[in-house]
Amino acid sequence: MGITLETVKAGLRELGLAKGDVVLVHSDLRTLAPARELIKIAHCGADLVIDAFLETVGREGLVVFPTFTKTYDLGEPVYTGLVFDPKETPSRVGSITNLFWRRPGAVRGTHPTHSIAAIGAKADEFCREPLDSTTFDRRGPWGRMFDWDGYICFFGTDNRTNTTVHAVEDWMDLPYMPDRFAWVKGPDGEPTKVLCRKAPVGPRDFYRKDSKAQKVLDASGILRRARIGQAEVALMTVRECHRVLREAILADPCLLLKEESPDDPWTTEARAKTIEHVRTMLGQ
């Protein structure tokens, strides 16, 4: 039997997603079915996946997708990349996300590089960013995912796409999240350079498929798993993700960082600073 709206909804319910839930979805549409099957479905099944999440959580729930953009300043005298406009700038994180933020009723956040989009109950409130926000500010959407007891869903993806890891880094004030600049569309329509505080730059071990962080999450037992079509899908709560990763970083400060290498001075410096930072947190 081919992929249908009902089969996707049944898989989400099997994972435990229900009416009224808040869910942040990281997605890879290519994993749902072979390309020869996906091309038979409108937008290769992207609309079907979106509808399945929306119908599963209902009007009282909230569905969130990342809509990150390639809008960092590249150090040139004038902008050389995209300029962020929440009504125009395409997402860089997948075909489903680009359809989602363009849907009627979707609200898109205003962060210059790491915007999110939401449909459902209190979407406007959810997407609101403090004026002095860091990229993953505790007072913004990433904090509301925690406060509203939301879920993280990996739909055909895994911890390599888990942006909540950066929220953990931000909230623990780990010392390798620098300030950077990005370009936004100003009030006059012209490109304007703005500051992005605590940007996620540099290499990370958790970007690897079999990373230390992935193994920690797997061993914790907080991930619920199901297969939807050919996609491996997993669900965990944001609060449990934060708890497990924070505890693991306190035990191994360099959990999210790569091993030292002569060719990677950034990691060497980041590891030394992070070890000292965590020792200070622990009062050692």
Protein backbone atom coordinates (compact mmCIF):
# COMPACT_ATOMS: atom_id res chain seq x y z
CA MET A 1 0.00 0.00 0.00
CA GLY A 2 1.30 3.48 -0.88
CA ILE A 3 1.84 6.41 1.43
CA THR A 4 -1.41 8.08 2.47
CA LEU A 5 -2.42 10.76 4.92
CA GLU A 6 -3.95 8.12 7.17
CA THR A 7 -0.82 5.96 7.26
CA VAL A 8 1.31 8.93 8.31
CA LYS A 9 -1.22 9.99 10.96
CA ALA A 10 -1.37 6.43 12.30
CA GLY A 11 2.42 6.39 12.64
CA LEU A 12 2.42 9.69 14.52
CA ARG A 13 -0.27 8.44 16.87
CA GLU A 14 1.76 5.27 17.45
CA LEU A 15 4.62 7.48 18.62
CA GLY A 16 2.26 9.11 21.11
CA LEU A 17 1.55 12.43 19.41
CA ALA A 18 -1.96 13.61 20.27
CA LYS A 19 -4.45 16.48 20.17
CA GLY A 20 -3.16 19.64 21.78
CA ASP A 21 0.52 18.72 21.55
CA VAL A 22 3.28 21.12 20.52
CA VAL A 23 5.80 19.53 18.13
CA LEU A 24 8.94 20.78 16.42
CA VAL A 25 9.62 18.73 13.28
CA HIS A 26 13.01 18.10 11.66
CA SER A 27 12.32 16.42 8.33
CA ASP A 28 13.83 14.71 5.30
CA LEU A 29 11.13 14.04 2.72
CA ARG A 30 13.40 11.77 0.68
CA THR A 31 13.25 9.08 3.36
CA LEU A 32 9.46 8.65 3.20
CA ALA A 33 9.36 6.47 0.07
CA PRO A 34 11.28 5.78 -3.16
CA ALA A 35 11.39 8.75 -5.54
CA ARG A 36 9.26 6.83 -8.07
CA GLU A 37 6.48 6.75 -5.49
CA LEU A 38 6.89 10.28 -4.16
CA ILE A 39 6.61 11.88 -7.60
CA LYS A 40 3.06 10.50 -7.87
CA ILE A 41 1.99 12.61 -4.87
CA ALA A 42 1.46 16.38 -4.86
CA HIS A 43 4.70 18.17 -3.90
CA CYS A 44 6.24 14.70 -3.54
CA GLY A 45 4.31 14.16 -0.30
CA ALA A 46 5.37 17.33 1.54
CA ASP A 47 1.80 18.59 1.90
CA LEU A 48 0.71 15.15 3.06
CA VAL A 49 3.31 15.15 5.85
CA ILE A 50 2.35 18.67 6.95
CA ASP A 51 -1.35 17.79 6.96
CA ALA A 52 -0.67 14.66 9.00
CA PHE A 53 1.03 16.65 11.76
CA LEU A 54 -1.62 19.38 11.74
CA GLU A 55 -4.50 16.93 11.91
CA THR A 56 -2.81 14.81 14.58
CA VAL A 57 -2.35 17.70 17.04
CA GLY A 58 -5.54 19.48 15.96
CA ARG A 59 -6.45 23.16 16.17
CA GLU A 60 -5.59 23.20 19.86
CA GLY A 61 -2.04 21.98 19.12
CA LEU A 62 0.93 23.66 17.48
CA VAL A 63 3.21 22.42 14.68
CA VAL A 64 6.61 24.07 14.30
CA PHE A 65 9.24 23.73 11.56
CA PRO A 66 12.70 25.33 11.37
CA THR A 67 13.03 27.77 8.45
CA PHE A 68 16.72 28.66 8.74
CA THR A 69 18.34 30.86 6.09
CA LYS A 70 21.74 31.53 4.49
CA THR A 71 21.86 35.15 5.58
CA TYR A 72 25.08 35.46 7.62
CA ASP A 73 27.38 38.30 6.67
CA LEU A 74 30.36 36.86 4.81
CA GLY A 75 32.72 39.67 5.68
CA GLU A 76 32.46 41.57 2.39
CA PRO A 77 31.88 45.34 2.22
CA VAL A 78 28.40 44.67 0.88
CA TYR A 79 26.16 41.65 1.32
CA THR A 80 27.00 38.63 -0.86
CA GLY A 81 24.32 36.20 0.27
CA LEU A 82 20.60 36.37 0.95
CA VAL A 83 18.87 39.10 2.91
CA PHE A 84 16.32 37.90 5.46
CA ASP A 85 12.71 38.83 4.92
CA PRO A 86 10.24 36.49 6.68
CA LYS A 87 7.81 36.89 3.80
CA GLU A 88 10.30 36.08 1.05
CA THR A 89 13.55 34.39 2.05
CA PRO A 90 13.61 30.64 1.37
CA SER A 91 14.42 28.11 4.08
CA ARG A 92 17.65 26.14 3.69
CA VAL A 93 16.47 23.11 5.69
CA GLY A 94 14.30 21.12 3.31
CA SER A 95 11.38 21.14 0.91
CA ILE A 96 8.76 20.51 3.60
CA THR A 97 9.86 23.60 5.53
CA ASN A 98 9.56 25.82 2.47
CA LEU A 99 5.99 24.72 1.83
CA PHE A 100 5.10 25.01 5.50
CA TRP A 101 6.01 28.66 6.08
CA ARG A 102 4.13 29.69 2.94
CA ARG A 103 0.88 28.07 4.08
CA PRO A 104 -2.14 30.20 4.96
CA GLY A 105 -2.18 30.72 8.71
CA ALA A 106 1.56 30.10 9.14
CA VAL A 107 3.46 32.55 11.34
CA ARG A 108 7.19 32.93 10.72
CA GLY A 109 9.65 34.20 13.28
CA THR A 110 11.98 37.12 12.70
CA HIS A 111 15.39 35.77 13.64
CA PRO A 112 17.83 36.75 10.85
CA THR A 113 19.43 33.29 10.46
CA HIS A 114 17.46 30.80 12.58
CA SER A 115 13.80 31.64 12.10
CA ILE A 116 11.03 29.15 12.83
CA ALA A 117 7.48 28.91 11.50
CA ALA A 118 4.38 27.70 13.34
CA ILE A 119 0.75 26.85 12.62
CA GLY A 120 -1.81 26.36 15.36
CA ALA A 121 -2.81 27.64 18.76
CA LYS A 122 -0.88 30.72 19.94
CA ALA A 123 1.43 30.64 16.91
CA ASP A 124 1.96 34.43 17.06
CA GLU A 125 2.97 34.27 20.71
CA PHE A 126 5.21 31.29 20.11
CA CYS A 127 7.21 32.93 17.32
CA ARG A 128 7.84 36.20 19.17
CA GLU A 129 11.52 37.09 19.67
CA PRO A 130 12.93 39.43 22.37
CA LEU A 131 14.57 42.51 20.86
CA ASP A 132 17.89 41.62 22.53
CA SER A 133 17.56 37.91 21.74
CA THR A 134 20.39 35.44 21.45
CA THR A 135 19.97 32.94 18.62
CA PHE A 136 18.39 30.32 20.91
CA ASP A 137 17.23 32.63 23.66
CA ARG A 138 15.52 31.16 26.73
CA ARG A 139 12.84 33.85 26.33
CA GLY A 140 12.07 33.09 22.68
CA PRO A 141 10.62 30.16 20.71
CA TRP A 142 13.28 27.73 21.91
CA GLY A 143 12.38 28.53 25.50
CA ARG A 144 8.67 28.19 24.76
CA MET A 145 9.28 24.71 23.36
CA PHE A 146 10.54 23.87 26.86
CA ASP A 147 7.93 25.84 28.84
CA TRP A 148 5.03 24.53 26.74
CA ASP A 149 6.28 20.94 27.17
CA GLY A 150 6.77 20.41 23.44
CA TYR A 151 8.10 17.46 21.48
CA ILE A 152 10.97 17.15 19.02
CA CYS A 153 10.19 14.87 16.07
CA PHE A 154 12.87 13.50 13.77
CA PHE A 155 10.95 12.61 10.60
CA GLY A 156 13.53 10.67 8.59
CA THR A 157 16.35 12.52 10.34
CA ASP A 158 18.34 12.06 13.56
CA ASN A 159 20.28 14.05 16.13
CA ARG A 160 22.44 15.62 13.41
CA THR A 161 19.48 17.94 12.75
CA ASN A 162 18.63 18.54 16.41
CA THR A 163 18.84 22.33 16.72
CA THR A 164 17.75 22.06 20.35
CA VAL A 165 21.35 20.99 21.02
CA HIS A 166 22.34 24.59 20.27
CA ALA A 167 19.72 25.79 22.75
CA VAL A 168 21.42 23.61 25.39
CA GLU A 169 24.77 25.18 24.47
CA ASP A 170 23.25 28.68 24.66
CA TRP A 171 21.50 28.16 28.00
CA MET A 172 24.63 26.63 29.53
CA ASP A 173 26.55 29.63 28.17
CA LEU A 174 29.18 27.37 26.60
CA PRO A 175 32.08 29.59 25.53
CA TYR A 176 32.27 28.83 21.82
CA MET A 177 29.06 30.58 20.64
CA PRO A 178 30.33 33.88 19.18
CA ASP A 179 28.44 36.92 17.98
CA ARG A 180 28.08 37.24 14.19
CA PHE A 181 26.39 39.57 11.77
CA ALA A 182 23.61 38.83 9.30
CA TRP A 183 21.67 40.73 6.67
CA VAL A 184 17.99 41.63 6.94
CA LYS A 185 15.62 43.69 4.86
CA GLY A 186 15.43 47.07 6.53
CA PRO A 187 12.37 49.33 6.93
CA ASP A 188 13.34 51.12 3.69
CA GLY A 189 13.66 47.81 1.83
CA GLU A 190 17.45 48.01 1.71
CA PRO A 191 19.84 45.40 3.18
CA THR A 192 20.77 46.14 6.80
CA LYS A 193 23.47 44.39 8.82
CA VAL A 194 22.33 43.21 12.27
CA LEU A 195 24.01 41.45 15.20
CA CYS A 196 23.23 37.78 15.93
CA ARG A 197 24.29 36.94 19.48
CA LYS A 198 25.59 33.43 20.30
CA ALA A 199 25.68 32.05 16.78
CA PRO A 200 26.21 28.30 16.22
CA VAL A 201 29.52 28.29 14.35
CA GLY A 202 32.41 25.84 14.17
CA PRO A 203 32.54 22.05 13.86
CA ARG A 204 30.64 19.78 16.25
CA ASP A 205 30.85 16.07 16.93
CA PHE A 206 27.04 15.87 17.06
CA TYR A 207 26.89 16.59 13.32
CA ARG A 208 28.15 13.02 12.79
CA LYS A 209 25.69 10.12 12.36
CA ASP A 210 27.16 8.08 15.23
CA SER A 211 28.04 11.00 17.47
CA LYS A 212 28.62 10.85 21.21
CA ALA A 213 25.43 12.86 21.75
CA GLN A 214 23.37 10.46 19.62
CA LYS A 215 24.65 7.53 21.68
CA VAL A 216 23.77 9.36 24.90
CA LEU A 217 20.21 9.99 23.69
CA ASP A 218 19.84 6.40 22.47
CA ALA A 219 21.03 5.02 25.80
CA SER A 220 18.75 7.34 27.79
CA GLY A 221 15.57 5.66 26.57
CA ILE A 222 13.77 8.97 25.96
CA LEU A 223 13.34 8.42 22.21
CA ARG A 224 10.16 6.74 20.99
CA ARG A 225 10.56 5.21 17.52
CA ALA A 226 8.32 4.12 14.65
CA ARG A 227 8.56 3.55 10.92
CA ILE A 228 6.31 5.63 8.67
CA GLY A 229 6.57 4.48 5.09
CA GLN A 230 10.31 3.97 4.76
CA ALA A 231 11.17 6.81 7.13
CA GLU A 232 12.58 6.15 10.57
CA VAL A 233 10.73 8.55 12.86
CA ALA A 234 11.53 9.36 16.49
CA LEU A 235 9.92 11.52 19.15
CA MET A 236 11.15 12.90 22.47
CA THR A 237 10.16 15.74 24.74
CA VAL A 238 12.19 18.94 24.68
CA ARG A 239 12.51 18.87 28.47
CA GLU A 240 13.95 15.35 28.45
CA CYS A 241 16.34 16.28 25.65
CA HIS A 242 17.61 19.24 27.66
CA ARG A 243 17.92 17.20 30.85
CA VAL A 244 19.83 14.32 29.27
CA LEU A 245 22.23 16.51 27.29
CA ARG A 246 22.87 18.93 30.15
CA GLU A 247 23.70 16.06 32.52
CA ALA A 248 25.93 14.47 29.88
CA ILE A 249 27.81 17.74 29.25
CA LEU A 250 28.40 18.24 32.97
CA ALA A 251 29.93 14.75 33.01
CA ASP A 252 31.81 15.20 29.71
CA PRO A 253 32.22 18.90 28.89
CA CYS A 254 33.41 18.16 25.35
CA LEU A 255 30.49 15.86 24.50
CA LEU A 256 29.35 18.02 21.57
CA LEU A 257 32.83 18.90 20.30
CA LYS A 258 35.15 17.03 17.99
CA GLU A 259 38.38 15.41 19.12
CA GLU A 260 41.49 17.57 18.99
CA SER A 261 43.45 17.70 15.74
CA PRO A 262 46.47 19.75 14.61
CA ASP A 263 44.37 20.83 11.63
CA ASP A 264 41.50 22.11 13.79
CA PRO A 265 42.67 24.91 16.13
CA TRP A 266 39.05 26.05 16.67
CA THR A 267 38.20 22.76 18.37
CA THR A 268 41.37 22.77 20.48
CA GLU A 269 40.55 26.22 21.84
CA ALA A 270 36.84 25.43 22.28
CA ARG A 271 37.60 22.25 24.24
CA ALA A 272 39.97 24.01 26.65
CA LYS A 273 37.54 26.86 27.28
CA THR A 274 34.60 24.49 27.72
CA ILE A 275 36.37 22.26 30.22
CA GLU A 276 37.23 25.32 32.33
CA HIS A 277 33.70 26.72 31.97
CA VAL A 278 32.04 23.50 33.15
CA ARG A 279 34.48 23.19 36.07
CA THR A 280 33.43 26.68 37.13
CA MET A 281 29.75 25.73 36.83
CA LEU A 282 30.40 22.75 39.09
CA GLY A 283 32.39 24.84 41.55
CA GLN A 284 35.59 22.89 41.00
